[in-house]
PDB file of N, CA and C in Angstrom:
ATOM      1  N   UNK A   1      73.566  22.772 141.887  1.00  0.00           N
ATOM      2  CA  UNK A   1      74.861  22.239 141.034  1.00  0.00           C
ATOM      3  C   UNK A   1      75.619  22.064 142.320  1.00  0.00           C
ATOM      4  N   UNK A   2      76.625  21.588 141.576  1.00  0.00           N
ATOM      5  CA  UNK A   2      78.259  21.472 142.081  1.00  0.00           C
ATOM      6  C   UNK A   2      79.432  21.465 141.672  1.00  0.00           C
ATOM      7  N   UNK A   3      80.229  22.388 142.079  1.00  0.00           N
ATOM      8  CA  UNK A   3      81.379  22.963 140.972  1.00  0.00           C
ATOM      9  C   UNK A   3      82.736  22.166 141.930  1.00  0.00           C
ATOM     10  N   UNK A   4      83.742  21.885 141.113  1.00  0.00           N
ATOM     11  CA  UNK A   4      84.634  21.228 141.381  1.00  0.00           C
ATOM     12  C   UNK A   4      86.541  21.956 140.953  1.00  0.00           C
ATOM     13  N   UNK A   5      87.162  22.190 141.564  1.00  0.00           N
ATOM     14  CA  UNK A   5      88.241  22.423 140.724  1.00  0.00           C
ATOM     15  C   UNK A   5      89.786  22.069 141.343  1.00  0.00           C
ATOM     16  N   UNK A   6      90.655  22.308 140.686  1.00  0.00           N
ATOM     17  CA  UNK A   6      92.060  21.551 140.825  1.00  0.00           C
ATOM     18  C   UNK A   6      92.840  23.037 140.575  1.00  0.00           C
ATOM     19  N   UNK A   7      93.726  23.115 141.822  1.00  0.00           N
ATOM     20  CA  UNK A   7      94.310  24.138 141.819  1.00  0.00           C
ATOM     21  C   UNK A   7      95.954  23.918 142.393  1.00  0.00           C
ATOM     22  N   UNK A   8      96.781  24.891 141.953  1.00  0.00           N
ATOM     23  CA  UNK A   8      97.982  24.962 142.154  1.00  0.00           C
ATOM     24  C   UNK A   8      98.279  25.083 143.633  1.00  0.00           C
ATOM     25  N   UNK A   9      99.192  24.313 144.613  1.00  0.00           N
ATOM     26  CA  UNK A   9      99.274  25.385 145.784  1.00  0.00           C
ATOM     27  C   UNK A   9     100.936  25.663 145.583  1.00  0.00           C
ATOM     28  N   UNK A  10     101.679  26.579 146.405  1.00  0.00           N
ATOM     29  CA  UNK A  10     102.393  27.842 146.634  1.00  0.00           C
ATOM     30  C   UNK A  10     103.549  27.525 145.478  1.00  0.00           C
ATOM     31  N   UNK A  11     103.517  28.360 144.330  1.00  0.00           N
ATOM     32  CA  UNK A  11     105.234  28.141 143.288  1.00  0.00           C
ATOM     33  C   UNK A  11     106.310  27.728 143.976  1.00  0.00           C
ATOM     34  N   UNK A  12     106.383  28.029 145.567  1.00  0.00           N
ATOM     35  CA  UNK A  12     107.535  27.678 146.122  1.00  0.00           C
ATOM     36  C   UNK A  12     107.574  25.883 146.100  1.00  0.00           C
ATOM     37  N   UNK A  13     106.582  25.217 146.381  1.00  0.00           N
ATOM     38  CA  UNK A  13     106.132  23.819 146.209  1.00  0.00           C
ATOM     39  C   UNK A  13     106.403  22.883 145.206  1.00  0.00           C
ATOM     40  N   UNK A  14     106.448  23.566 144.083  1.00  0.00           N
ATOM     41  CA  UNK A  14     106.460  23.052 142.762  1.00  0.00           C
ATOM     42  C   UNK A  14     107.937  23.832 141.984  1.00  0.00           C
ATOM     43  N   UNK A  15     108.791  22.436 142.090  1.00  0.00           N
ATOM     44  CA  UNK A  15     109.915  22.973 141.107  1.00  0.00           C
ATOM     45  C   UNK A  15     110.572  23.532 139.883  1.00  0.00           C
ATOM     46  N   UNK A  16     109.324  22.750 139.373  1.00  0.00           N
ATOM     47  CA  UNK A  16     109.464  23.750 137.935  1.00  0.00           C
ATOM     48  C   UNK A  16     109.121  24.890 137.348  1.00  0.00           C
ATOM     49  N   UNK A  17     108.139  25.512 137.913  1.00  0.00           N
ATOM     50  CA  UNK A  17     107.313  26.523 138.182  1.00  0.00           C
ATOM     51  C   UNK A  17     108.707  27.499 139.238  1.00  0.00           C
ATOM     52  N   UNK A  18     109.202  26.992 140.437  1.00  0.00           N
ATOM     53  CA  UNK A  18     110.377  27.679 140.411  1.00  0.00           C
ATOM     54  C   UNK A  18     111.477  28.049 139.725  1.00  0.00           C
ATOM     55  N   UNK A  19     112.333  26.981 138.666  1.00  0.00           N
ATOM     56  CA  UNK A  19     113.189  27.244 137.685  1.00  0.00           C
ATOM     57  C   UNK A  19     112.454  28.181 136.947  1.00  0.00           C
ATOM     58  N   UNK A  20     111.338  28.107 136.232  1.00  0.00           N
ATOM     59  CA  UNK A  20     110.514  28.844 135.138  1.00  0.00           C
ATOM     60  C   UNK A  20     110.972  30.408 135.814  1.00  0.00           C
ATOM     61  N   UNK A  21     110.101  30.758 137.171  1.00  0.00           N
ATOM     62  CA  UNK A  21     110.025  31.796 137.435  1.00  0.00           C
ATOM     63  C   UNK A  21     111.608  32.576 137.974  1.00  0.00           C
ATOM     64  N   UNK A  22     112.240  31.793 138.461  1.00  0.00           N
ATOM     65  CA  UNK A  22     114.112  32.243 138.690  1.00  0.00           C
ATOM     66  C   UNK A  22     114.265  32.782 136.860  1.00  0.00           C
ATOM     67  N   UNK A  23     114.652  31.968 136.233  1.00  0.00           N
ATOM     68  CA  UNK A  23     115.046  32.068 134.889  1.00  0.00           C
ATOM     69  C   UNK A  23     114.281  33.224 134.325  1.00  0.00           C
ATOM     70  N   UNK A  24     112.888  33.002 134.308  1.00  0.00           N
ATOM     71  CA  UNK A  24     112.064  34.755 133.656  1.00  0.00           C
ATOM     72  C   UNK A  24     112.901  35.522 134.573  1.00  0.00           C
ATOM     73  N   UNK A  25     112.762  35.930 135.781  1.00  0.00           N
ATOM     74  CA  UNK A  25     113.215  37.063 136.359  1.00  0.00           C
ATOM     75  C   UNK A  25     114.553  37.348 135.843  1.00  0.00           C
ATOM     76  N   UNK A  26     115.541  36.027 136.098  1.00  0.00           N
ATOM     77  CA  UNK A  26     116.895  36.896 135.373  1.00  0.00           C
ATOM     78  C   UNK A  26     116.867  37.157 134.012  1.00  0.00           C
ATOM     79  N   UNK A  27     116.455  36.901 133.343  1.00  0.00           N
ATOM     80  CA  UNK A  27     115.982  37.610 131.994  1.00  0.00           C
ATOM     81  C   UNK A  27     115.107  38.600 131.223  1.00  0.00           C
ATOM     82  N   UNK A  28     113.796  38.924 132.011  1.00  0.00           N
ATOM     83  CA  UNK A  28     113.235  39.378 132.024  1.00  0.00           C
ATOM     84  C   UNK A  28     112.763  41.236 132.632  1.00  0.00           C
ATOM     85  N   UNK A  29     113.917  40.403 133.560  1.00  0.00           N
ATOM     86  CA  UNK A  29     113.566  41.089 134.943  1.00  0.00           C
ATOM     87  C   UNK A  29     112.713  41.363 135.359  1.00  0.00           C
ATOM     88  N   UNK A  30     111.168  40.504 135.369  1.00  0.00           N
ATOM     89  CA  UNK A  30     110.253  40.205 136.012  1.00  0.00           C
ATOM     90  C   UNK A  30     109.873  38.622 136.486  1.00  0.00           C
ATOM     91  N   UNK A  31     108.523  38.357 137.236  1.00  0.00           N
ATOM     92  CA  UNK A  31     108.278  37.158 137.289  1.00  0.00           C
ATOM     93  C   UNK A  31     107.496  36.925 136.327  1.00  0.00           C
ATOM     94  N   UNK A  32     106.942  35.466 135.876  1.00  0.00           N
ATOM     95  CA  UNK A  32     106.064  35.437 134.874  1.00  0.00           C
ATOM     96  C   UNK A  32     104.583  35.555 135.441  1.00  0.00           C
ATOM     97  N   UNK A  33     104.670  35.572 136.563  1.00  0.00           N
ATOM     98  CA  UNK A  33     103.328  34.896 137.420  1.00  0.00           C
ATOM     99  C   UNK A  33     102.956  36.616 137.696  1.00  0.00           C
ATOM    100  N   UNK A  34     101.681  37.091 137.264  1.00  0.00           N
ATOM    101  CA  UNK A  34     100.745  38.931 137.384  1.00  0.00           C
ATOM    102  C   UNK A  34     100.092  38.658 137.578  1.00  0.00           C
ATOM    103  N   UNK A  35      98.874  39.091 137.771  1.00  0.00           N
ATOM    104  CA  UNK A  35      97.802  39.709 138.277  1.00  0.00           C
ATOM    105  C   UNK A  35      96.881  39.085 137.186  1.00  0.00           C
ATOM    106  N   UNK A  36      96.993  39.349 135.578  1.00  0.00           N
ATOM    107  CA  UNK A  36      96.041  38.812 134.440  1.00  0.00           C
ATOM    108  C   UNK A  36      96.260  37.219 134.585  1.00  0.00           C
ATOM    109  N   UNK A  37      97.927  36.608 134.962  1.00  0.00           N
ATOM    110  CA  UNK A  37      97.486  35.524 134.450  1.00  0.00           C
ATOM    111  C   UNK A  37      98.907  34.400 135.844  1.00  0.00           C
ATOM    112  N   UNK A  38      98.084  34.321 137.087  1.00  0.00           N
ATOM    113  CA  UNK A  38      98.723  33.891 138.284  1.00  0.00           C
ATOM    114  C   UNK A  38      98.181  32.763 138.615  1.00  0.00           C
ATOM    115  N   UNK A  39      98.948  31.416 137.977  1.00  0.00           N
ATOM    116  CA  UNK A  39      98.083  29.927 138.330  1.00  0.00           C
ATOM    117  C   UNK A  39      98.185  29.419 139.770  1.00  0.00           C
ATOM    118  N   UNK A  40      98.686  30.662 140.582  1.00  0.00           N
ATOM    119  CA  UNK A  40      99.125  30.533 141.982  1.00  0.00           C
ATOM    120  C   UNK A  40      98.267  31.346 142.546  1.00  0.00           C
ATOM    121  N   UNK A  41      97.610  32.011 142.281  1.00  0.00           N
ATOM    122  CA  UNK A  41      96.278  33.013 143.010  1.00  0.00           C
ATOM    123  C   UNK A  41      95.155  32.212 144.251  1.00  0.00           C
ATOM    124  N   UNK A  42      95.463  31.010 143.584  1.00  0.00           N
ATOM    125  CA  UNK A  42      94.239  30.122 144.781  1.00  0.00           C
ATOM    126  C   UNK A  42      95.012  29.480 145.443  1.00  0.00           C
ATOM    127  N   UNK A  43      96.357  29.442 145.943  1.00  0.00           N
ATOM    128  CA  UNK A  43      97.258  28.506 146.575  1.00  0.00           C
ATOM    129  C   UNK A  43      96.913  28.624 147.442  1.00  0.00           C
ATOM    130  N   UNK A  44      96.508  29.774 148.535  1.00  0.00           N
ATOM    131  CA  UNK A  44      96.414  30.136 150.063  1.00  0.00           C
ATOM    132  C   UNK A  44      95.227  29.252 150.303  1.00  0.00           C
ATOM    133  N   UNK A  45      95.252  28.502 151.216  1.00  0.00           N
ATOM    134  CA  UNK A  45      93.558  28.063 152.069  1.00  0.00           C
ATOM    135  C   UNK A  45      92.829  28.997 152.353  1.00  0.00           C
ATOM    136  N   UNK A  46      91.873  28.575 152.030  1.00  0.00           N
ATOM    137  CA  UNK A  46      90.690  29.690 151.687  1.00  0.00           C
ATOM    138  C   UNK A  46      90.530  30.589 150.763  1.00  0.00           C
ATOM    139  N   UNK A  47      91.523  30.453 149.816  1.00  0.00           N
ATOM    140  CA  UNK A  47      91.197  31.324 148.987  1.00  0.00           C
ATOM    141  C   UNK A  47      90.631  31.662 147.818  1.00  0.00           C
ATOM    142  N   UNK A  48      90.562  29.775 146.867  1.00  0.00           N
ATOM    143  CA  UNK A  48      89.648  29.549 146.097  1.00  0.00           C
ATOM    144  C   UNK A  48      87.743  29.818 146.699  1.00  0.00           C
ATOM    145  N   UNK A  49      87.964  28.930 148.375  1.00  0.00           N
ATOM    146  CA  UNK A  49      86.609  29.326 148.918  1.00  0.00           C
ATOM    147  C   UNK A  49      86.200  30.488 148.918  1.00  0.00           C
ATOM    148  N   UNK A  50      86.590  31.413 149.234  1.00  0.00           N
ATOM    149  CA  UNK A  50      86.208  32.957 149.603  1.00  0.00           C
ATOM    150  C   UNK A  50      86.107  33.513 148.247  1.00  0.00           C
ATOM    151  N   UNK A  51      86.569  33.684 147.394  1.00  0.00           N
ATOM    152  CA  UNK A  51      85.926  33.370 146.213  1.00  0.00           C
ATOM    153  C   UNK A  51      84.311  32.858 145.573  1.00  0.00           C
ATOM    154  N   UNK A  52      84.195  31.588 145.787  1.00  0.00           N
ATOM    155  CA  UNK A  52      83.031  30.986 145.378  1.00  0.00           C
ATOM    156  C   UNK A  52      82.116  31.439 146.555  1.00  0.00           C
ATOM    157  N   UNK A  53      82.133  31.798 147.737  1.00  0.00           N
ATOM    158  CA  UNK A  53      81.416  32.178 148.328  1.00  0.00           C
ATOM    159  C   UNK A  53      80.886  33.702 148.293  1.00  0.00           C
ATOM    160  N   UNK A  54      81.606  34.231 147.458  1.00  0.00           N
ATOM    161  CA  UNK A  54      81.347  35.728 147.455  1.00  0.00           C
ATOM    162  C   UNK A  54      80.504  35.853 145.929  1.00  0.00           C
ATOM    163  N   UNK A  55      80.923  34.298 145.265  1.00  0.00           N
ATOM    164  CA  UNK A  55      80.063  34.173 144.313  1.00  0.00           C
ATOM    165  C   UNK A  55      78.290  33.794 144.028  1.00  0.00           C
ATOM    166  N   UNK A  56      78.525  33.305 145.745  1.00  0.00           N
ATOM    167  CA  UNK A  56      76.630  32.739 146.020  1.00  0.00           C
ATOM    168  C   UNK A  56      76.929  31.524 145.806  1.00  0.00           C
ATOM    169  N   UNK A  57      78.186  30.667 145.651  1.00  0.00           N
ATOM    170  CA  UNK A  57      78.058  29.490 146.034  1.00  0.00           C
ATOM    171  C   UNK A  57      78.032  29.165 147.666  1.00  0.00           C
ATOM    172  N   UNK A  58      77.144  28.270 148.220  1.00  0.00           N
ATOM    173  CA  UNK A  58      76.699  27.941 149.790  1.00  0.00           C
ATOM    174  C   UNK A  58      77.369  26.650 149.909  1.00  0.00           C
ATOM    175  N   UNK A  59      77.520  26.235 151.239  1.00  0.00           N
ATOM    176  CA  UNK A  59      78.211  25.341 151.453  1.00  0.00           C
ATOM    177  C   UNK A  59      79.634  24.538 151.416  1.00  0.00           C
ATOM    178  N   UNK A  60      80.296  25.458 150.832  1.00  0.00           N
ATOM    179  CA  UNK A  60      81.814  25.706 150.514  1.00  0.00           C
ATOM    180  C   UNK A  60      82.748  24.726 150.974  1.00  0.00           C
ATOM    181  N   UNK A  61      83.417  23.910 150.604  1.00  0.00           N
ATOM    182  CA  UNK A  61      84.079  22.927 151.040  1.00  0.00           C
ATOM    183  C   UNK A  61      85.619  23.148 150.647  1.00  0.00           C
ATOM    184  N   UNK A  62      87.029  23.030 150.971  1.00  0.00           N
ATOM    185  CA  UNK A  62      88.270  22.893 150.832  1.00  0.00           C
ATOM    186  C   UNK A  62      88.988  22.149 151.140  1.00  0.00           C
ATOM    187  N   UNK A  63      89.227  21.097 150.529  1.00  0.00           N
ATOM    188  CA  UNK A  63      90.698  19.559 150.465  1.00  0.00           C
ATOM    189  C   UNK A  63      91.707  19.641 150.061  1.00  0.00           C
ATOM    190  N   UNK A  64      92.121  19.853 150.554  1.00  0.00           N
ATOM    191  CA  UNK A  64      94.215  20.038 150.339  1.00  0.00           C
ATOM    192  C   UNK A  64      94.648  18.112 149.874  1.00  0.00           C
ATOM    193  N   UNK A  65      94.794  18.002 148.852  1.00  0.00           N
ATOM    194  CA  UNK A  65      95.105  17.023 148.582  1.00  0.00           C
ATOM    195  C   UNK A  65      96.520  17.142 147.694  1.00  0.00           C
ATOM    196  N   UNK A  66      97.779  16.709 148.558  1.00  0.00           N
ATOM    197  CA  UNK A  66      98.848  16.446 147.769  1.00  0.00           C
ATOM    198  C   UNK A  66      99.563  15.839 146.746  1.00  0.00           C
ATOM    199  N   UNK A  67      99.711  15.991 146.014  1.00  0.00           N
ATOM    200  CA  UNK A  67     100.655  15.150 144.769  1.00  0.00           C
ATOM    201  C   UNK A  67     102.075  14.991 144.410  1.00  0.00           C
ATOM    202  N   UNK A  68     102.930  14.062 144.791  1.00  0.00           N
ATOM    203  CA  UNK A  68     104.441  13.562 144.995  1.00  0.00           C
ATOM    204  C   UNK A  68     104.776  13.081 143.554  1.00  0.00           C
TER     205      UNK A  68
END
């Protein structure tokens, strides 16, 4: 079988989320991104590949595509 995923890059690279995060931290005193909900947890190169390999997938590949 095969699996394909699309994940966000670093939060700093996504202006919309940087603004949301900054506003949340000012109003709520904390970032909206935490362990139970972090859409950026696979942003670092190799992060998703490591999880997929640990889950038993073989021949795991990552390709970075930037949408501007």
